[in-house]
């Protein structure tokens, strides 16, 4: 059984998330993108991860925060289905509110050494990177074969 990512309680105990091609998540113009930080002239974003204690722990529900946990990844409804956006919400506030924060919650699903992140508010929709550089992460239906939905977590300091 693969190791489950342990929550970070302090920004200095954050994680870097990379896709199967080792492209990292980073922020530009208030969007979370996937790309090669060296080629894109930026730094891989440090992600703070905390559990959502209000949901069933066997599903490994987590929150994803950036910028020291002061902004969090959220799922929002659009006319074309669910979408992702960064919101100015503190990850520690989400941690305290639990179940009320479902749209900020992702279920961490193990796939060998990698993980898939399913939107708790939209079952069957997963975090997805792009094959194209400098594109935002998005949500995709599980059945899309071209989607890069597997991610790796690296502890950082």
Foldseek 3Di string as FASTA:
>chain_A
DADDDDFDPWLQFFKWKAFPVRFTWDDDPQFTATGNCVVVVHDHWTWGKDAQPQDDCVQVKIATATPTQQKTWFWDQDPVGIWIGIDRHGRVVSNVVRPVRQRRIWGWDDDDQWTWTARSVDGQWTWFHDPDGPDGIIIDGNPDPVTRGTMHIGTHD
